[in-house]
Amino acid sequence: MQATGSRRTTLPAMPPTRSRRAPREAQTRRPAAPAVPASLTAVSAPGLDDDGIYTSTLFDGSDLSGQNSAAVEIDKCRIANSDLSGTRLSRAMVMDTVAERSNLSNLQATNSSLVRVEMTACRMTGFSWANGRLRDVTFRDCRLDFSSFQSSTATDSLFVDCNLRQADFHDADLRGATFRTCDLSGAQLSGARMDGTRLINCTLEGASGVTSMAGAVVASSDMVTLAHLFASALGINVVDEESPD
């Protein structure tokens, strides 16, 4: 016998619901703080060896300048009053580390990563972190003029009260970066990805590649300067209103 019962009604298929992604800037959060232990071991013989691993170490007044090291790992360390100027790093990993009042001028790093790192009151003129990664990184009151972050990716990273004059962000992914009260005069932004980048009370006179700022979030107080920059980039001549004949 064939079972009987109510007939199932087939409803027309509903079109798939497409979730709306939040704007990139809404996804940006404050950088996570480095997990630096209260107790650290002071380094006895300063140096950065190839493939060296430095964990829970205190570099205080250390001379680490002019070195050339590959695949160095610095984890849960504190660097204070130290000199790393002119040092060259490749494939370095720096995690859960604090650097303060140190000289990192002309430090050159390639294909390297900064993860949960804070740098405060550091001299970093000519500092270069190219083709690298920055995640949960804070630069506070640092001198970063003529620095380079070319082709690097910054995620949940913060620049506060920094001198970034003539800094190079060419082809960098800055969608997860915030710049607050920074001097970006003459900065190179060409090719940068800035959808969601936050720029609050920053100086931008003379910056180039400003058309890359599409989608960025800026303070209303910065709009007059930006209007002139965009006009210049688009070849628009701005003149004072002419009097009627």
Protein backbone atom coordinates (compact mmCIF):
# COMPACT_ATOMS: atom_id res chain seq x y z
CA MET A 1 0.00 0.00 0.00
CA GLN A 2 1.12 3.53 -0.65
CA ALA A 3 1.32 5.75 2.41
CA THR A 4 -1.00 8.74 2.35
CA GLY A 5 -0.60 12.12 4.02
CA SER A 6 -0.55 15.85 3.46
CA ARG A 7 1.38 17.01 0.46
CA ARG A 8 4.60 18.91 1.19
CA THR A 9 4.49 22.41 -0.26
CA THR A 10 7.71 23.41 -1.95
CA LEU A 11 8.56 27.05 -1.39
CA PRO A 12 10.57 28.98 -3.94
CA ALA A 13 14.24 29.16 -3.07
CA MET A 14 15.28 32.38 -1.40
CA PRO A 15 18.29 34.17 -2.79
CA PRO A 16 21.38 33.67 -0.61
CA THR A 17 21.90 36.39 1.95
CA ARG A 18 25.18 38.18 1.43
CA SER A 19 26.69 39.28 4.71
CA ARG A 20 27.84 42.86 4.74
CA ARG A 21 31.38 43.21 5.93
CA ALA A 22 32.09 46.01 8.35
CA PRO A 23 34.21 48.80 6.97
CA ARG A 24 37.88 48.11 7.35
CA GLU A 25 38.35 50.99 9.77
CA ALA A 26 35.76 49.53 12.11
CA GLN A 27 37.81 46.34 12.33
CA THR A 28 40.95 48.19 13.46
CA ARG A 29 41.66 47.82 17.16
CA ARG A 30 44.26 49.11 19.58
CA PRO A 31 47.52 47.17 19.58
CA ALA A 32 47.82 44.36 22.11
CA ALA A 33 50.43 45.06 24.79
CA PRO A 34 53.68 43.07 24.80
CA ALA A 35 53.83 40.27 27.37
CA VAL A 36 57.20 41.15 28.92
CA PRO A 37 58.03 39.26 32.15
CA ALA A 38 58.78 41.28 35.29
CA SER A 39 62.00 39.33 35.80
CA LEU A 40 64.57 39.43 33.00
CA THR A 41 68.12 38.17 32.64
CA ALA A 42 70.65 40.87 31.82
CA VAL A 43 72.70 40.01 28.74
CA SER A 44 76.34 39.36 29.60
CA ALA A 45 77.95 39.41 26.15
CA PRO A 46 75.98 41.73 23.87
CA GLY A 47 75.64 40.46 20.32
CA LEU A 48 73.10 39.23 17.81
CA ASP A 49 74.24 35.92 16.33
CA ASP A 50 72.79 34.30 13.24
CA ASP A 51 69.87 32.04 14.25
CA GLY A 52 70.26 33.37 17.79
CA ILE A 53 67.28 33.11 20.16
CA TYR A 54 67.04 35.71 22.93
CA THR A 55 64.22 35.12 25.41
CA SER A 56 63.33 37.05 28.59
CA THR A 57 66.51 39.10 28.19
CA LEU A 58 67.32 42.65 29.30
CA PHE A 59 69.47 44.71 26.96
CA ASP A 60 70.32 47.82 29.00
CA GLY A 61 73.00 50.12 27.64
CA SER A 62 74.03 47.40 25.18
CA ASP A 63 76.06 48.14 22.06
CA LEU A 64 74.40 46.16 19.26
CA SER A 65 75.35 48.59 16.50
CA GLY A 66 76.74 47.73 13.08
CA GLN A 67 75.88 44.05 13.21
CA ASN A 68 74.74 41.83 10.35
CA SER A 69 72.48 39.01 11.51
CA ALA A 70 70.03 36.59 9.94
CA ALA A 71 67.07 34.70 11.44
CA VAL A 72 67.42 36.29 14.89
CA GLU A 73 64.52 35.76 17.32
CA ILE A 74 63.94 38.28 20.13
CA ASP A 75 61.10 37.26 22.43
CA LYS A 76 59.82 38.77 25.70
CA CYS A 77 62.75 41.18 25.97
CA ARG A 78 63.34 44.75 27.08
CA ILE A 79 65.76 47.00 25.19
CA ALA A 80 66.67 50.21 26.99
CA ASN A 81 69.30 52.90 26.38
CA SER A 82 70.91 50.65 23.78
CA ASP A 83 72.51 51.27 20.39
CA LEU A 84 71.37 49.25 17.36
CA SER A 85 72.28 51.89 14.78
CA GLY A 86 73.43 50.62 11.41
CA THR A 87 72.55 47.00 12.21
CA ARG A 88 71.25 44.83 9.36
CA LEU A 89 68.69 42.10 9.97
CA SER A 90 67.07 39.58 7.66
CA ARG A 91 64.24 37.18 8.50
CA ALA A 92 64.21 38.49 12.08
CA MET A 93 61.31 37.90 14.47
CA VAL A 94 60.76 40.34 17.34
CA MET A 95 57.84 39.47 19.65
CA ASP A 96 56.47 40.71 22.99
CA THR A 97 59.31 43.20 23.32
CA VAL A 98 59.66 46.79 24.56
CA ALA A 99 62.33 49.19 23.27
CA GLU A 100 62.77 52.57 24.95
CA ARG A 101 65.21 55.47 24.71
CA SER A 102 67.36 53.51 22.25
CA ASN A 103 69.12 54.36 19.00
CA LEU A 104 67.84 52.41 15.99
CA SER A 105 68.97 54.93 13.38
CA ASN A 106 69.69 53.38 9.98
CA LEU A 107 68.77 49.90 11.19
CA GLN A 108 67.88 47.94 8.06
CA ALA A 109 65.55 44.91 8.28
CA THR A 110 64.14 42.88 5.40
CA ASN A 111 61.52 40.12 5.41
CA SER A 112 61.21 40.49 9.17
CA SER A 113 58.34 40.69 11.67
CA LEU A 114 57.38 42.85 14.65
CA VAL A 115 54.59 41.32 16.75
CA ARG A 116 53.31 42.92 19.99
CA VAL A 117 56.16 45.42 20.18
CA GLU A 118 56.28 48.88 21.76
CA MET A 119 58.92 51.47 20.89
CA THR A 120 59.01 54.63 22.97
CA ALA A 121 61.22 57.73 22.67
CA CYS A 122 63.59 55.99 20.27
CA ARG A 123 65.83 57.65 17.72
CA MET A 124 65.02 55.93 14.42
CA THR A 125 66.14 58.26 11.64
CA GLY A 126 66.63 56.19 8.48
CA PHE A 127 65.11 53.09 10.11
CA SER A 128 63.96 50.61 7.46
CA TRP A 129 61.53 47.70 7.87
CA ALA A 130 60.87 46.75 4.25
CA ASN A 131 58.87 43.79 2.91
CA GLY A 132 57.99 42.93 6.48
CA ARG A 133 55.11 42.56 8.88
CA LEU A 134 53.96 44.69 11.81
CA ARG A 135 51.19 43.41 14.06
CA ASP A 136 50.14 45.03 17.34
CA VAL A 137 53.03 47.49 17.16
CA THR A 138 53.14 50.92 18.84
CA PHE A 139 55.61 53.67 18.00
CA ARG A 140 55.32 56.47 20.56
CA ASP A 141 57.27 59.73 20.52
CA CYS A 142 59.84 58.28 18.10
CA ARG A 143 61.99 60.10 15.58
CA LEU A 144 61.24 58.20 12.38
CA ASP A 145 62.19 60.78 9.76
CA PHE A 146 63.46 59.28 6.49
CA SER A 147 62.31 55.85 7.67
CA SER A 148 60.98 53.22 5.27
CA PHE A 149 58.16 50.72 5.59
CA GLN A 150 58.06 50.02 1.88
CA SER A 151 55.93 47.01 0.90
CA SER A 152 55.29 46.09 4.55
CA THR A 153 51.94 45.25 6.13
CA ALA A 154 50.80 47.01 9.32
CA THR A 155 47.95 45.38 11.24
CA ASP A 156 46.50 46.94 14.40
CA SER A 157 49.52 49.23 14.63
CA LEU A 158 49.74 52.73 16.08
CA PHE A 159 52.02 55.72 15.48
CA VAL A 160 51.64 58.43 18.15
CA ASP A 161 53.50 61.76 18.37
CA CYS A 162 56.10 60.58 15.86
CA ASN A 163 58.29 62.52 13.44
CA LEU A 164 57.67 60.74 10.12
CA ARG A 165 58.96 63.47 7.83
CA GLN A 166 59.98 62.07 4.44
CA ALA A 167 58.98 58.54 5.52
CA ASP A 168 58.50 56.01 2.72
CA PHE A 169 55.29 53.95 2.74
CA HIS A 170 55.43 53.07 -0.94
CA ASP A 171 53.30 49.97 -1.69
CA ALA A 172 52.72 49.39 2.05
CA ASP A 173 49.45 47.94 3.37
CA LEU A 174 48.41 50.48 6.00
CA ARG A 175 44.76 49.47 6.29
CA GLY A 176 45.29 48.44 9.91
CA ALA A 177 47.37 51.47 10.94
CA THR A 178 46.51 54.58 12.94
CA PHE A 179 48.56 57.79 12.88
CA ARG A 180 47.84 60.24 15.68
CA THR A 181 49.47 63.69 15.97
CA CYS A 182 52.30 62.66 13.66
CA ASP A 183 54.33 64.79 11.26
CA LEU A 184 54.05 63.14 7.83
CA SER A 185 55.40 66.10 5.88
CA GLY A 186 56.87 64.96 2.58
CA ALA A 187 55.92 61.32 3.21
CA GLN A 188 55.72 58.97 0.21
CA LEU A 189 52.33 57.24 0.03
CA SER A 190 52.29 56.13 -3.60
CA GLY A 191 50.80 52.68 -4.06
CA ALA A 192 49.93 52.34 -0.37
CA ARG A 193 46.67 50.60 0.59
CA MET A 194 44.90 52.93 3.01
CA ASP A 195 41.24 51.89 3.06
CA GLY A 196 40.47 52.35 6.76
CA THR A 197 43.78 53.92 7.75
CA ARG A 198 43.16 56.51 10.47
CA LEU A 199 45.00 59.85 10.42
CA ILE A 200 44.12 62.10 13.34
CA ASN A 201 45.59 65.59 13.72
CA CYS A 202 48.55 64.81 11.47
CA THR A 203 50.69 67.15 9.37
CA LEU A 204 50.67 66.13 5.71
CA GLU A 205 52.18 69.10 3.87
CA GLY A 206 54.14 68.01 0.84
CA ALA A 207 53.13 64.35 1.08
CA SER A 208 53.12 62.59 -2.30
CA GLY A 209 50.84 59.86 -3.59
CA VAL A 210 47.91 61.24 -1.62
CA THR A 211 45.42 59.68 -4.05
CA SER A 212 46.28 56.40 -2.32
CA MET A 213 44.38 57.75 0.70
CA ALA A 214 41.03 56.74 -0.78
CA GLY A 215 38.96 55.21 2.02
CA ALA A 216 41.14 56.61 4.83
CA VAL A 217 39.59 58.16 7.95
CA VAL A 218 40.81 61.69 8.74
CA ALA A 219 40.01 64.35 11.32
CA SER A 220 37.85 67.21 10.10
CA SER A 221 40.54 69.64 11.24
CA ASP A 222 42.90 68.17 8.62
CA MET A 223 40.55 68.70 5.68
CA VAL A 224 41.85 72.13 4.61
CA THR A 225 45.39 70.81 4.18
CA LEU A 226 44.12 67.68 2.45
CA ALA A 227 42.02 69.72 0.04
CA HIS A 228 45.12 71.54 -1.18
CA LEU A 229 47.08 68.27 -1.44
CA PHE A 230 44.35 66.60 -3.48
CA ALA A 231 43.99 69.64 -5.70
CA SER A 232 47.71 69.60 -6.42
CA ALA A 233 47.69 65.84 -7.11
CA LEU A 234 44.80 66.24 -9.56
CA GLY A 235 46.31 69.25 -11.29
CA ILE A 236 43.65 71.64 -10.04
CA ASN A 237 44.74 75.26 -9.80
CA VAL A 238 43.39 76.99 -6.70
CA VAL A 239 43.11 80.79 -6.97
CA ASP A 240 41.64 83.51 -4.84
CA GLU A 241 38.14 84.51 -5.86
CA GLU A 242 38.39 87.10 -8.58
CA SER A 243 36.62 90.42 -8.25
CA PRO A 244 33.88 91.09 -10.84
CA ASP A 245 34.85 93.45 -13.64
